[in-house]
PDB file of N, CA and C in Angstrom:
ATOM      1  N   MET A   1     -37.257 -58.525 132.670  1.00  0.00           N
ATOM      2  CA  MET A   1     -37.759 -59.065 131.640  1.00  0.00           C
ATOM      3  C   MET A   1     -36.998 -57.953 130.483  1.00  0.00           C
ATOM      4  N   ILE A   2     -36.405 -58.958 129.130  1.00  0.00           N
ATOM      5  CA  ILE A   2     -35.799 -58.050 128.270  1.00  0.00           C
ATOM      6  C   ILE A   2     -36.749 -58.023 127.331  1.00  0.00           C
ATOM      7  N   SER A   3     -36.956 -56.908 126.542  1.00  0.00           N
ATOM      8  CA  SER A   3     -38.244 -56.684 125.481  1.00  0.00           C
ATOM      9  C   SER A   3     -37.464 -57.672 124.101  1.00  0.00           C
ATOM     10  N   ALA A   4     -38.616 -57.620 123.653  1.00  0.00           N
ATOM     11  CA  ALA A   4     -38.474 -58.491 122.330  1.00  0.00           C
ATOM     12  C   ALA A   4     -37.605 -57.612 121.056  1.00  0.00           C
ATOM     13  N   LYS A   5     -37.378 -56.661 121.272  1.00  0.00           N
ATOM     14  CA  LYS A   5     -36.734 -55.648 120.398  1.00  0.00           C
ATOM     15  C   LYS A   5     -35.186 -56.109 120.924  1.00  0.00           C
ATOM     16  N   GLU A   6     -34.821 -56.128 122.408  1.00  0.00           N
ATOM     17  CA  GLU A   6     -33.516 -56.380 123.047  1.00  0.00           C
ATOM     18  C   GLU A   6     -32.911 -57.777 122.563  1.00  0.00           C
ATOM     19  N   ALA A   7     -33.849 -58.863 122.629  1.00  0.00           N
ATOM     20  CA  ALA A   7     -33.563 -59.790 122.268  1.00  0.00           C
ATOM     21  C   ALA A   7     -33.310 -60.207 120.926  1.00  0.00           C
ATOM     22  N   ASN A   8     -33.967 -59.345 120.004  1.00  0.00           N
ATOM     23  CA  ASN A   8     -33.617 -59.385 118.706  1.00  0.00           C
ATOM     24  C   ASN A   8     -32.427 -59.060 118.332  1.00  0.00           C
ATOM     25  N   ILE A   9     -31.787 -57.767 119.019  1.00  0.00           N
ATOM     26  CA  ILE A   9     -30.787 -57.244 119.148  1.00  0.00           C
ATOM     27  C   ILE A   9     -29.403 -58.015 119.330  1.00  0.00           C
ATOM     28  N   ILE A  10     -29.827 -58.818 120.460  1.00  0.00           N
ATOM     29  CA  ILE A  10     -28.778 -60.168 121.270  1.00  0.00           C
ATOM     30  C   ILE A  10     -28.774 -60.797 120.012  1.00  0.00           C
ATOM     31  N   SER A  11     -30.097 -61.686 119.752  1.00  0.00           N
ATOM     32  CA  SER A  11     -29.620 -62.542 118.529  1.00  0.00           C
ATOM     33  C   SER A  11     -28.985 -62.213 117.580  1.00  0.00           C
ATOM     34  N   LEU A  12     -29.121 -61.392 117.388  1.00  0.00           N
ATOM     35  CA  LEU A  12     -28.744 -60.740 115.763  1.00  0.00           C
ATOM     36  C   LEU A  12     -26.983 -60.455 115.848  1.00  0.00           C
ATOM     37  N   VAL A  13     -26.866 -59.989 116.549  1.00  0.00           N
ATOM     38  CA  VAL A  13     -25.439 -59.370 117.114  1.00  0.00           C
ATOM     39  C   VAL A  13     -24.575 -60.572 117.066  1.00  0.00           C
ATOM     40  N   ASN A  14     -25.735 -61.562 118.143  1.00  0.00           N
ATOM     41  CA  ASN A  14     -24.537 -62.607 118.634  1.00  0.00           C
ATOM     42  C   ASN A  14     -24.024 -63.694 117.511  1.00  0.00           C
ATOM     43  N   ASP A  15     -25.403 -63.960 116.523  1.00  0.00           N
ATOM     44  CA  ASP A  15     -25.380 -64.730 115.171  1.00  0.00           C
ATOM     45  C   ASP A  15     -24.382 -64.179 114.061  1.00  0.00           C
ATOM     46  N   CYS A  16     -24.755 -62.980 114.118  1.00  0.00           N
ATOM     47  CA  CYS A  16     -24.266 -62.710 112.445  1.00  0.00           C
ATOM     48  C   CYS A  16     -23.367 -61.420 113.232  1.00  0.00           C
ATOM     49  N   PHE A  17     -23.051 -61.125 114.061  1.00  0.00           N
ATOM     50  CA  PHE A  17     -21.976 -59.845 113.576  1.00  0.00           C
ATOM     51  C   PHE A  17     -20.819 -60.210 114.997  1.00  0.00           C
ATOM     52  N   ARG A  18     -20.700 -61.080 115.376  1.00  0.00           N
ATOM     53  CA  ARG A  18     -20.004 -61.707 116.688  1.00  0.00           C
ATOM     54  C   ARG A  18     -18.090 -61.251 116.337  1.00  0.00           C
ATOM     55  N   ASP A  19     -17.769 -61.465 115.094  1.00  0.00           N
ATOM     56  CA  ASP A  19     -16.449 -60.961 114.835  1.00  0.00           C
ATOM     57  C   ASP A  19     -16.300 -59.678 114.719  1.00  0.00           C
ATOM     58  N   TYR A  20     -17.139 -58.653 114.524  1.00  0.00           N
ATOM     59  CA  TYR A  20     -16.920 -57.374 114.422  1.00  0.00           C
ATOM     60  C   TYR A  20     -16.738 -56.836 116.107  1.00  0.00           C
ATOM     61  N   LEU A  21     -17.956 -57.557 116.800  1.00  0.00           N
ATOM     62  CA  LEU A  21     -17.583 -57.269 118.202  1.00  0.00           C
ATOM     63  C   LEU A  21     -16.589 -57.838 118.770  1.00  0.00           C
ATOM     64  N   ASP A  22     -16.240 -58.714 118.444  1.00  0.00           N
ATOM     65  CA  ASP A  22     -14.898 -59.213 119.297  1.00  0.00           C
ATOM     66  C   ASP A  22     -13.505 -58.089 118.773  1.00  0.00           C
ATOM     67  N   SER A  23     -13.583 -57.673 117.665  1.00  0.00           N
ATOM     68  CA  SER A  23     -12.768 -56.814 117.238  1.00  0.00           C
ATOM     69  C   SER A  23     -12.855 -55.734 117.931  1.00  0.00           C
ATOM     70  N   ILE A  24     -13.990 -55.092 118.034  1.00  0.00           N
ATOM     71  CA  ILE A  24     -14.091 -53.650 118.541  1.00  0.00           C
ATOM     72  C   ILE A  24     -13.995 -53.758 120.099  1.00  0.00           C
ATOM     73  N   GLU A  25     -14.294 -55.057 120.628  1.00  0.00           N
ATOM     74  CA  GLU A  25     -13.900 -55.153 122.345  1.00  0.00           C
ATOM     75  C   GLU A  25     -12.532 -55.230 122.272  1.00  0.00           C
ATOM     76  N   LYS A  26     -11.853 -55.761 121.782  1.00  0.00           N
ATOM     77  CA  LYS A  26     -10.308 -55.549 121.607  1.00  0.00           C
ATOM     78  C   LYS A  26      -9.524 -54.395 121.699  1.00  0.00           C
ATOM     79  N   ASP A  27     -10.456 -53.333 120.806  1.00  0.00           N
ATOM     80  CA  ASP A  27      -9.955 -52.183 120.185  1.00  0.00           C
ATOM     81  C   ASP A  27     -10.116 -51.326 121.592  1.00  0.00           C
ATOM     82  N   ILE A  28     -11.306 -51.384 122.320  1.00  0.00           N
ATOM     83  CA  ILE A  28     -12.045 -50.609 123.477  1.00  0.00           C
ATOM     84  C   ILE A  28     -11.050 -51.098 124.744  1.00  0.00           C
ATOM     85  N   ILE A  29     -10.824 -52.497 124.851  1.00  0.00           N
ATOM     86  CA  ILE A  29      -9.832 -53.043 126.331  1.00  0.00           C
ATOM     87  C   ILE A  29      -8.226 -52.341 125.887  1.00  0.00           C
ATOM     88  N   LYS A  30      -7.824 -52.128 124.963  1.00  0.00           N
ATOM     89  CA  LYS A  30      -6.647 -51.792 124.545  1.00  0.00           C
ATOM     90  C   LYS A  30      -6.724 -50.125 124.521  1.00  0.00           C
ATOM     91  N   SER A  31      -7.439 -49.588 124.525  1.00  0.00           N
ATOM     92  CA  SER A  31      -7.474 -48.090 124.437  1.00  0.00           C
ATOM     93  C   SER A  31      -7.801 -47.528 125.968  1.00  0.00           C
ATOM     94  N   ALA A  32      -8.827 -48.449 126.502  1.00  0.00           N
ATOM     95  CA  ALA A  32      -8.826 -48.475 128.169  1.00  0.00           C
ATOM     96  C   ALA A  32      -7.662 -48.449 128.542  1.00  0.00           C
ATOM     97  N   LYS A  33      -6.948 -49.337 128.595  1.00  0.00           N
ATOM     98  CA  LYS A  33      -5.810 -49.926 129.072  1.00  0.00           C
ATOM     99  C   LYS A  33      -4.651 -48.363 129.026  1.00  0.00           C
ATOM    100  N   ALA A  34      -4.688 -48.045 127.919  1.00  0.00           N
ATOM    101  CA  ALA A  34      -3.911 -46.901 127.652  1.00  0.00           C
ATOM    102  C   ALA A  34      -4.385 -45.837 128.099  1.00  0.00           C
ATOM    103  N   GLY A  35      -5.469 -45.461 129.133  1.00  0.00           N
ATOM    104  CA  GLY A  35      -5.959 -44.594 129.818  1.00  0.00           C
ATOM    105  C   GLY A  35      -7.122 -43.532 128.796  1.00  0.00           C
ATOM    106  N   GLU A  36      -7.533 -44.216 127.748  1.00  0.00           N
ATOM    107  CA  GLU A  36      -8.053 -43.189 126.436  1.00  0.00           C
ATOM    108  C   GLU A  36      -9.660 -43.693 127.177  1.00  0.00           C
ATOM    109  N   CYS A  37     -10.635 -42.699 126.521  1.00  0.00           N
ATOM    110  CA  CYS A  37     -12.231 -42.933 126.695  1.00  0.00           C
ATOM    111  C   CYS A  37     -12.945 -43.100 125.414  1.00  0.00           C
ATOM    112  N   CYS A  38     -12.269 -43.422 124.465  1.00  0.00           N
ATOM    113  CA  CYS A  38     -12.945 -43.301 123.338  1.00  0.00           C
ATOM    114  C   CYS A  38     -12.257 -44.002 122.235  1.00  0.00           C
ATOM    115  N   ILE A  39     -12.930 -44.722 121.020  1.00  0.00           N
ATOM    116  CA  ILE A  39     -12.101 -45.160 120.115  1.00  0.00           C
ATOM    117  C   ILE A  39     -12.779 -44.521 118.519  1.00  0.00           C
ATOM    118  N   SER A  40     -11.993 -44.550 117.761  1.00  0.00           N
ATOM    119  CA  SER A  40     -12.748 -44.617 116.524  1.00  0.00           C
ATOM    120  C   SER A  40     -12.298 -45.642 115.476  1.00  0.00           C
ATOM    121  N   ILE A  41     -13.057 -46.288 115.154  1.00  0.00           N
ATOM    122  CA  ILE A  41     -12.918 -47.318 113.586  1.00  0.00           C
ATOM    123  C   ILE A  41     -13.377 -46.893 112.765  1.00  0.00           C
ATOM    124  N   GLU A  42     -12.951 -47.192 111.662  1.00  0.00           N
ATOM    125  CA  GLU A  42     -13.282 -46.967 110.030  1.00  0.00           C
ATOM    126  C   GLU A  42     -14.383 -48.037 110.070  1.00  0.00           C
ATOM    127  N   LEU A  43     -15.124 -48.159 109.438  1.00  0.00           N
ATOM    128  CA  LEU A  43     -16.052 -49.055 109.087  1.00  0.00           C
ATOM    129  C   LEU A  43     -15.362 -49.715 108.005  1.00  0.00           C
ATOM    130  N   ILE A  44     -14.594 -49.444 107.026  1.00  0.00           N
ATOM    131  CA  ILE A  44     -14.197 -49.898 106.082  1.00  0.00           C
ATOM    132  C   ILE A  44     -13.191 -51.011 106.287  1.00  0.00           C
ATOM    133  N   SER A  45     -12.452 -50.894 107.717  1.00  0.00           N
ATOM    134  CA  SER A  45     -11.657 -51.866 108.227  1.00  0.00           C
ATOM    135  C   SER A  45     -12.350 -53.280 108.349  1.00  0.00           C
ATOM    136  N   PHE A  46     -13.565 -53.378 108.696  1.00  0.00           N
ATOM    137  CA  PHE A  46     -14.777 -54.320 108.731  1.00  0.00           C
ATOM    138  C   PHE A  46     -15.155 -54.740 107.435  1.00  0.00           C
ATOM    139  N   GLY A  47     -15.027 -54.023 106.207  1.00  0.00           N
ATOM    140  CA  GLY A  47     -15.422 -54.768 105.185  1.00  0.00           C
ATOM    141  C   GLY A  47     -17.000 -53.891 104.873  1.00  0.00           C
ATOM    142  N   LEU A  48     -17.499 -52.833 105.628  1.00  0.00           N
ATOM    143  CA  LEU A  48     -18.708 -52.010 105.564  1.00  0.00           C
ATOM    144  C   LEU A  48     -18.869 -50.943 105.213  1.00  0.00           C
ATOM    145  N   ASP A  49     -19.898 -50.744 104.362  1.00  0.00           N
ATOM    146  CA  ASP A  49     -19.797 -49.768 103.496  1.00  0.00           C
ATOM    147  C   ASP A  49     -21.473 -49.294 103.737  1.00  0.00           C
ATOM    148  N   ILE A  50     -21.326 -47.965 104.433  1.00  0.00           N
ATOM    149  CA  ILE A  50     -22.925 -47.517 105.102  1.00  0.00           C
ATOM    150  C   ILE A  50     -23.715 -47.235 104.012  1.00  0.00           C
ATOM    151  N   ALA A  51     -23.279 -47.176 102.849  1.00  0.00           N
ATOM    152  CA  ALA A  51     -24.175 -46.678 101.678  1.00  0.00           C
ATOM    153  C   ALA A  51     -25.044 -47.707 101.260  1.00  0.00           C
ATOM    154  N   THR A  52     -24.650 -48.774 101.514  1.00  0.00           N
ATOM    155  CA  THR A  52     -25.114 -50.232 101.035  1.00  0.00           C
ATOM    156  C   THR A  52     -26.416 -50.591 102.040  1.00  0.00           C
ATOM    157  N   ASP A  53     -27.269 -51.247 101.527  1.00  0.00           N
ATOM    158  CA  ASP A  53     -28.273 -51.634 102.545  1.00  0.00           C
ATOM    159  C   ASP A  53     -27.716 -52.580 103.497  1.00  0.00           C
ATOM    160  N   ASN A  54     -27.361 -53.440 103.216  1.00  0.00           N
ATOM    161  CA  ASN A  54     -26.888 -54.473 104.224  1.00  0.00           C
ATOM    162  C   ASN A  54     -25.605 -53.987 104.927  1.00  0.00           C
ATOM    163  N   GLY A  55     -24.534 -53.146 104.384  1.00  0.00           N
ATOM    164  CA  GLY A  55     -23.850 -52.278 105.687  1.00  0.00           C
ATOM    165  C   GLY A  55     -24.210 -51.517 106.162  1.00  0.00           C
ATOM    166  N   ASN A  56     -25.305 -50.578 106.088  1.00  0.00           N
ATOM    167  CA  ASN A  56     -25.952 -49.849 106.661  1.00  0.00           C
ATOM    168  C   ASN A  56     -26.915 -50.495 107.789  1.00  0.00           C
ATOM    169  N   LYS A  57     -27.286 -51.660 107.335  1.00  0.00           N
ATOM    170  CA  LYS A  57     -27.900 -52.846 108.558  1.00  0.00           C
ATOM    171  C   LYS A  57     -27.417 -53.409 109.710  1.00  0.00           C
ATOM    172  N   ILE A  58     -26.062 -53.550 109.088  1.00  0.00           N
ATOM    173  CA  ILE A  58     -25.003 -54.358 110.105  1.00  0.00           C
ATOM    174  C   ILE A  58     -24.674 -53.377 111.022  1.00  0.00           C
ATOM    175  N   THR A  59     -24.028 -51.965 110.671  1.00  0.00           N
ATOM    176  CA  THR A  59     -23.595 -50.706 111.448  1.00  0.00           C
ATOM    177  C   THR A  59     -24.984 -50.761 112.099  1.00  0.00           C
ATOM    178  N   ASN A  60     -25.936 -50.445 111.962  1.00  0.00           N
ATOM    179  CA  ASN A  60     -27.196 -49.873 112.799  1.00  0.00           C
ATOM    180  C   ASN A  60     -26.919 -50.823 114.006  1.00  0.00           C
ATOM    181  N   ALA A  61     -27.181 -52.047 113.345  1.00  0.00           N
ATOM    182  CA  ALA A  61     -27.419 -53.203 114.523  1.00  0.00           C
ATOM    183  C   ALA A  61     -26.324 -52.933 115.492  1.00  0.00           C
ATOM    184  N   ILE A  62     -25.169 -53.026 115.087  1.00  0.00           N
ATOM    185  CA  ILE A  62     -23.493 -53.330 115.927  1.00  0.00           C
ATOM    186  C   ILE A  62     -23.899 -51.844 116.918  1.00  0.00           C
ATOM    187  N   VAL A  63     -24.589 -50.589 116.164  1.00  0.00           N
ATOM    188  CA  VAL A  63     -24.616 -49.076 117.127  1.00  0.00           C
ATOM    189  C   VAL A  63     -25.770 -49.492 118.079  1.00  0.00           C
ATOM    190  N   ASN A  64     -26.799 -49.784 118.054  1.00  0.00           N
ATOM    191  CA  ASN A  64     -28.012 -50.229 118.875  1.00  0.00           C
ATOM    192  C   ASN A  64     -27.409 -51.136 119.982  1.00  0.00           C
ATOM    193  N   TYR A  65     -26.802 -52.072 119.650  1.00  0.00           N
ATOM    194  CA  TYR A  65     -26.208 -53.322 120.624  1.00  0.00           C
ATOM    195  C   TYR A  65     -24.996 -52.588 121.606  1.00  0.00           C
ATOM    196  N   LEU A  66     -24.094 -51.617 121.070  1.00  0.00           N
ATOM    197  CA  LEU A  66     -23.158 -50.961 121.812  1.00  0.00           C
ATOM    198  C   LEU A  66     -23.863 -50.104 122.964  1.00  0.00           C
ATOM    199  N   ARG A  67     -24.796 -49.286 122.195  1.00  0.00           N
ATOM    200  CA  ARG A  67     -25.945 -48.269 122.917  1.00  0.00           C
ATOM    201  C   ARG A  67     -26.458 -49.257 124.053  1.00  0.00           C
ATOM    202  N   SER A  68     -27.059 -50.037 123.878  1.00  0.00           N
ATOM    203  CA  SER A  68     -27.925 -51.061 124.833  1.00  0.00           C
ATOM    204  C   SER A  68     -26.808 -51.347 126.077  1.00  0.00           C
ATOM    205  N   LEU A  69     -25.356 -51.517 125.707  1.00  0.00           N
ATOM    206  CA  LEU A  69     -24.254 -51.784 127.078  1.00  0.00           C
ATOM    207  C   LEU A  69     -23.733 -50.616 127.495  1.00  0.00           C
ATOM    208  N   GLY A  70     -24.517 -49.351 126.977  1.00  0.00           N
ATOM    209  CA  GLY A  70     -24.064 -48.032 127.806  1.00  0.00           C
ATOM    210  C   GLY A  70     -23.085 -47.215 127.215  1.00  0.00           C
ATOM    211  N   TYR A  71     -22.512 -47.396 126.134  1.00  0.00           N
ATOM    212  CA  TYR A  71     -21.692 -46.931 125.415  1.00  0.00           C
ATOM    213  C   TYR A  71     -22.290 -45.736 124.694  1.00  0.00           C
ATOM    214  N   ASN A  72     -21.421 -44.709 124.057  1.00  0.00           N
ATOM    215  CA  ASN A  72     -22.107 -43.248 123.453  1.00  0.00           C
ATOM    216  C   ASN A  72     -21.572 -43.830 122.330  1.00  0.00           C
ATOM    217  N   VAL A  73     -22.402 -44.025 120.928  1.00  0.00           N
ATOM    218  CA  VAL A  73     -21.921 -44.391 119.802  1.00  0.00           C
ATOM    219  C   VAL A  73     -22.318 -43.725 118.743  1.00  0.00           C
ATOM    220  N   PHE A  74     -21.824 -42.829 117.872  1.00  0.00           N
ATOM    221  CA  PHE A  74     -21.898 -42.260 116.800  1.00  0.00           C
ATOM    222  C   PHE A  74     -21.220 -42.924 115.200  1.00  0.00           C
ATOM    223  N   ILE A  75     -22.280 -42.347 114.322  1.00  0.00           N
ATOM    224  CA  ILE A  75     -21.468 -42.839 113.199  1.00  0.00           C
ATOM    225  C   ILE A  75     -21.083 -41.419 112.305  1.00  0.00           C
ATOM    226  N   ASP A  76     -19.603 -41.388 112.229  1.00  0.00           N
ATOM    227  CA  ASP A  76     -19.305 -40.509 111.603  1.00  0.00           C
ATOM    228  C   ASP A  76     -18.927 -40.621 109.871  1.00  0.00           C
ATOM    229  N   ASP A  77     -19.713 -39.893 109.137  1.00  0.00           N
ATOM    230  CA  ASP A  77     -19.686 -40.193 107.866  1.00  0.00           C
ATOM    231  C   ASP A  77     -19.100 -38.916 106.976  1.00  0.00           C
ATOM    232  N   SER A  78     -18.372 -38.077 107.722  1.00  0.00           N
ATOM    233  CA  SER A  78     -17.757 -36.664 107.601  1.00  0.00           C
ATOM    234  C   SER A  78     -16.551 -36.431 106.734  1.00  0.00           C
ATOM    235  N   ASP A  79     -15.942 -37.875 106.823  1.00  0.00           N
ATOM    236  CA  ASP A  79     -14.757 -38.061 105.895  1.00  0.00           C
ATOM    237  C   ASP A  79     -15.044 -38.884 105.164  1.00  0.00           C
ATOM    238  N   TYR A  80     -14.019 -39.406 103.850  1.00  0.00           N
ATOM    239  CA  TYR A  80     -13.998 -40.337 103.169  1.00  0.00           C
ATOM    240  C   TYR A  80     -14.742 -41.647 103.628  1.00  0.00           C
ATOM    241  N   TYR A  81     -13.943 -42.174 104.474  1.00  0.00           N
ATOM    242  CA  TYR A  81     -14.772 -43.613 105.085  1.00  0.00           C
ATOM    243  C   TYR A  81     -15.181 -43.300 106.298  1.00  0.00           C
ATOM    244  N   ALA A  82     -16.671 -43.545 106.598  1.00  0.00           N
ATOM    245  CA  ALA A  82     -17.269 -43.658 107.788  1.00  0.00           C
ATOM    246  C   ALA A  82     -16.437 -43.974 108.891  1.00  0.00           C
ATOM    247  N   SER A  83     -16.830 -43.735 110.030  1.00  0.00           N
ATOM    248  CA  SER A  83     -16.266 -44.374 111.537  1.00  0.00           C
ATOM    249  C   SER A  83     -17.408 -44.727 112.369  1.00  0.00           C
ATOM    250  N   LEU A  84     -17.065 -45.512 113.376  1.00  0.00           N
ATOM    251  CA  LEU A  84     -17.900 -45.661 114.547  1.00  0.00           C
ATOM    252  C   LEU A  84     -17.182 -44.935 115.469  1.00  0.00           C
ATOM    253  N   LEU A  85     -17.247 -44.156 116.078  1.00  0.00           N
ATOM    254  CA  LEU A  85     -17.108 -43.238 117.100  1.00  0.00           C
ATOM    255  C   LEU A  85     -17.790 -43.581 118.605  1.00  0.00           C
ATOM    256  N   ILE A  86     -16.998 -44.351 119.290  1.00  0.00           N
ATOM    257  CA  ILE A  86     -17.499 -45.402 120.530  1.00  0.00           C
ATOM    258  C   ILE A  86     -16.581 -44.550 121.830  1.00  0.00           C
ATOM    259  N   ASP A  87     -17.772 -43.955 122.683  1.00  0.00           N
ATOM    260  CA  ASP A  87     -16.914 -43.205 123.692  1.00  0.00           C
ATOM    261  C   ASP A  87     -17.647 -43.701 125.447  1.00  0.00           C
ATOM    262  N   TRP A  88     -17.248 -43.973 126.075  1.00  0.00           N
ATOM    263  CA  TRP A  88     -17.244 -44.302 127.310  1.00  0.00           C
ATOM    264  C   TRP A  88     -16.961 -43.547 128.103  1.00  0.00           C
ATOM    265  N   SER A  89     -16.792 -42.208 128.239  1.00  0.00           N
ATOM    266  CA  SER A  89     -16.288 -41.653 129.190  1.00  0.00           C
ATOM    267  C   SER A  89     -17.100 -41.273 129.965  1.00  0.00           C
ATOM    268  N   VAL A  90     -18.221 -40.971 129.706  1.00  0.00           N
ATOM    269  CA  VAL A  90     -19.249 -40.818 130.519  1.00  0.00           C
ATOM    270  C   VAL A  90     -20.568 -41.587 130.122  1.00  0.00           C
ATOM    271  N   THR A  91     -20.952 -42.259 131.207  1.00  0.00           N
ATOM    272  CA  THR A  91     -21.884 -43.434 130.456  1.00  0.00           C
ATOM    273  C   THR A  91     -23.550 -42.909 130.682  1.00  0.00           C
ATOM    274  N   GLU A  92     -24.172 -43.552 130.372  1.00  0.00           N
ATOM    275  CA  GLU A  92     -25.855 -43.025 130.626  1.00  0.00           C
ATOM    276  C   GLU A  92     -26.209 -43.402 132.551  1.00  0.00           C
ATOM    277  N   ASP A  93     -25.514 -44.591 132.739  1.00  0.00           N
ATOM    278  CA  ASP A  93     -25.372 -44.823 134.278  1.00  0.00           C
ATOM    279  C   ASP A  93     -25.115 -43.470 135.152  1.00  0.00           C
ATOM    280  N   GLN A  94     -23.801 -43.142 134.581  1.00  0.00           N
ATOM    281  CA  GLN A  94     -23.073 -42.196 135.594  1.00  0.00           C
ATOM    282  C   GLN A  94     -24.015 -40.320 135.243  1.00  0.00           C
ATOM    283  N   ASN A  95     -24.852 -40.328 134.358  1.00  0.00           N
ATOM    284  CA  ASN A  95     -25.608 -39.558 134.344  1.00  0.00           C
ATOM    285  C   ASN A  95     -26.811 -39.226 135.375  1.00  0.00           C
ATOM    286  N   ASN A  96     -27.187 -40.667 135.727  1.00  0.00           N
ATOM    287  CA  ASN A  96     -28.266 -40.489 136.296  1.00  0.00           C
ATOM    288  C   ASN A  96     -28.493 -40.373 137.750  1.00  0.00           C
TER     289      ASN A  96
END
């Protein structure tokens, strides 16, 4: 049985963030087919600014959802534009 928190994340992501996830999935598949194990996506490409409450909320929901799927995901805000760093080289399942 999934937890209420997990169900909430799935509902929120599927209802509000499907376009973002479709784009991320395409980037992951393209990179994986090229033999890569990670990608970096500038959040501005989605129109997201983590400095705003809404941008931060959306970004964190996407991060949590991707993590629930086993990806290692980080927000890199060291550059001018924040980026999502998504890595699938070593998944949580492989560590156990």
